[in-house]
Amino acid sequence: MSWAIRSTWVTAKLLPIVIVVRCGSRSVSRESSEAHMRIGAVIVVIWLVIGALAAYQRGYFSGDEQVNCAEIGTVLVTIVVGPLNYVGANPQIECTVPQPSQ
């Protein structure tokens, strides 16, 4: 019985996961694919929790009464970037809202 190893990328090609697939078989078993989906979901949740922790440590949830699109964008991007915040990523968003004509 021969086996082939196929490499798959998850979460924007940041976390390599190796899937072992039997040669001649066109699909992975249903249980195996469900397990991979659960593992992927857990990884995404942990990634976002780490990003939320980084945003909290930077004081982005301080409760300012005046919030603009730049602050919201910076918080969301910080959360999505996740653990990369701890290796030097510091996303900042700038946005301008067009003023109505007079």
Protein backbone atom coordinates (compact mmCIF):
# COMPACT_ATOMS: atom_id res chain seq x y z
CA MET A 1 0.00 0.00 0.00
CA SER A 2 1.54 3.33 -0.99
CA TRP A 3 0.77 6.71 0.51
CA ALA A 4 1.14 10.23 -0.83
CA ILE A 5 1.62 13.33 1.26
CA ARG A 6 -0.06 16.51 0.13
CA SER A 7 0.58 19.83 1.87
CA THR A 8 -2.35 22.18 2.39
CA TRP A 9 -2.28 25.79 3.63
CA VAL A 10 -4.80 27.11 6.15
CA THR A 11 -5.48 30.68 7.34
CA ALA A 12 -3.97 32.75 4.54
CA LYS A 13 -1.01 30.36 4.04
CA LEU A 14 0.31 30.94 7.56
CA LEU A 15 -0.19 27.52 9.13
CA PRO A 16 0.88 24.50 7.06
CA ILE A 17 -1.09 21.32 7.71
CA VAL A 18 -0.01 18.03 6.16
CA ILE A 19 -2.76 15.65 5.07
CA VAL A 20 -1.92 12.03 4.30
CA VAL A 21 -3.99 10.68 1.42
CA ARG A 22 -3.95 7.12 0.06
CA CYS A 23 -2.89 6.94 -3.61
CA GLY A 24 -5.78 6.11 -5.88
CA SER A 25 -8.33 7.53 -3.48
CA ARG A 26 -9.98 10.72 -4.67
CA SER A 27 -11.24 11.89 -1.29
CA VAL A 28 -10.33 11.84 2.36
CA SER A 29 -12.77 10.07 4.67
CA ARG A 30 -15.67 12.12 6.03
CA GLU A 31 -14.50 11.73 9.63
CA SER A 32 -11.04 12.94 8.69
CA SER A 33 -12.34 16.01 6.87
CA GLU A 34 -14.67 16.86 9.79
CA ALA A 35 -11.75 16.57 12.18
CA HIS A 36 -9.68 18.91 10.01
CA MET A 37 -12.53 21.44 9.93
CA ARG A 38 -12.81 21.33 13.73
CA ILE A 39 -9.07 21.81 14.10
CA GLY A 40 -9.18 24.71 11.63
CA ALA A 41 -12.06 26.33 13.52
CA VAL A 42 -10.21 26.03 16.82
CA ILE A 43 -7.09 27.57 15.28
CA VAL A 44 -9.10 30.51 13.90
CA VAL A 45 -10.81 31.13 17.26
CA ILE A 46 -7.49 31.03 19.12
CA TRP A 47 -5.97 33.37 16.49
CA LEU A 48 -8.80 35.91 16.97
CA VAL A 49 -8.67 35.68 20.78
CA ILE A 50 -4.94 36.44 20.71
CA GLY A 51 -5.67 39.41 18.42
CA ALA A 52 -8.37 40.69 20.79
CA LEU A 53 -5.91 40.36 23.67
CA ALA A 54 -3.35 42.43 21.74
CA ALA A 55 -5.98 45.10 21.01
CA TYR A 56 -6.95 45.17 24.71
CA GLN A 57 -3.30 45.52 25.78
CA ARG A 58 -2.92 48.47 23.42
CA GLY A 59 -5.90 50.18 25.06
CA TYR A 60 -8.20 50.06 22.05
CA PHE A 61 -11.19 49.12 24.24
CA SER A 62 -10.80 52.10 26.56
CA GLY A 63 -14.40 53.24 26.12
CA ASP A 64 -13.96 56.56 24.33
CA GLU A 65 -17.29 58.16 23.63
CA GLN A 66 -16.19 59.52 20.26
CA VAL A 67 -15.28 56.71 17.88
CA ASN A 68 -14.38 57.21 14.23
CA CYS A 69 -13.80 54.85 11.34
CA ALA A 70 -10.01 54.93 11.78
CA GLU A 71 -10.26 53.67 15.36
CA ILE A 72 -12.73 50.93 14.43
CA GLY A 73 -10.58 49.89 11.46
CA THR A 74 -7.43 49.77 13.58
CA VAL A 75 -9.12 47.60 16.21
CA LEU A 76 -10.53 45.19 13.62
CA VAL A 77 -7.24 44.86 11.74
CA THR A 78 -5.35 44.34 15.02
CA ILE A 79 -7.72 41.51 15.94
CA VAL A 80 -7.45 39.88 12.50
CA VAL A 81 -3.64 40.12 12.49
CA GLY A 82 -3.69 38.16 15.77
CA PRO A 83 -0.37 36.77 17.02
CA LEU A 84 1.58 38.77 14.44
CA ASN A 85 1.06 41.75 16.78
CA TYR A 86 3.60 40.16 19.12
CA VAL A 87 6.30 39.88 16.44
CA GLY A 88 6.23 43.53 15.45
CA ALA A 89 3.07 44.07 13.40
CA ASN A 90 1.36 47.32 14.38
CA PRO A 91 -1.50 47.90 11.95
CA GLN A 92 -2.87 51.43 11.75
CA ILE A 93 -5.84 52.44 9.62
CA GLU A 94 -6.48 55.96 8.38
CA CYS A 95 -9.74 56.87 6.76
CA THR A 96 -11.50 60.07 5.85
CA VAL A 97 -15.21 60.37 5.48
CA PRO A 98 -16.33 62.74 2.73
CA GLN A 99 -18.15 65.78 4.04
CA PRO A 100 -21.55 66.59 2.58
CA SER A 101 -21.62 69.41 0.06
CA GLN A 102 -23.15 72.70 1.17
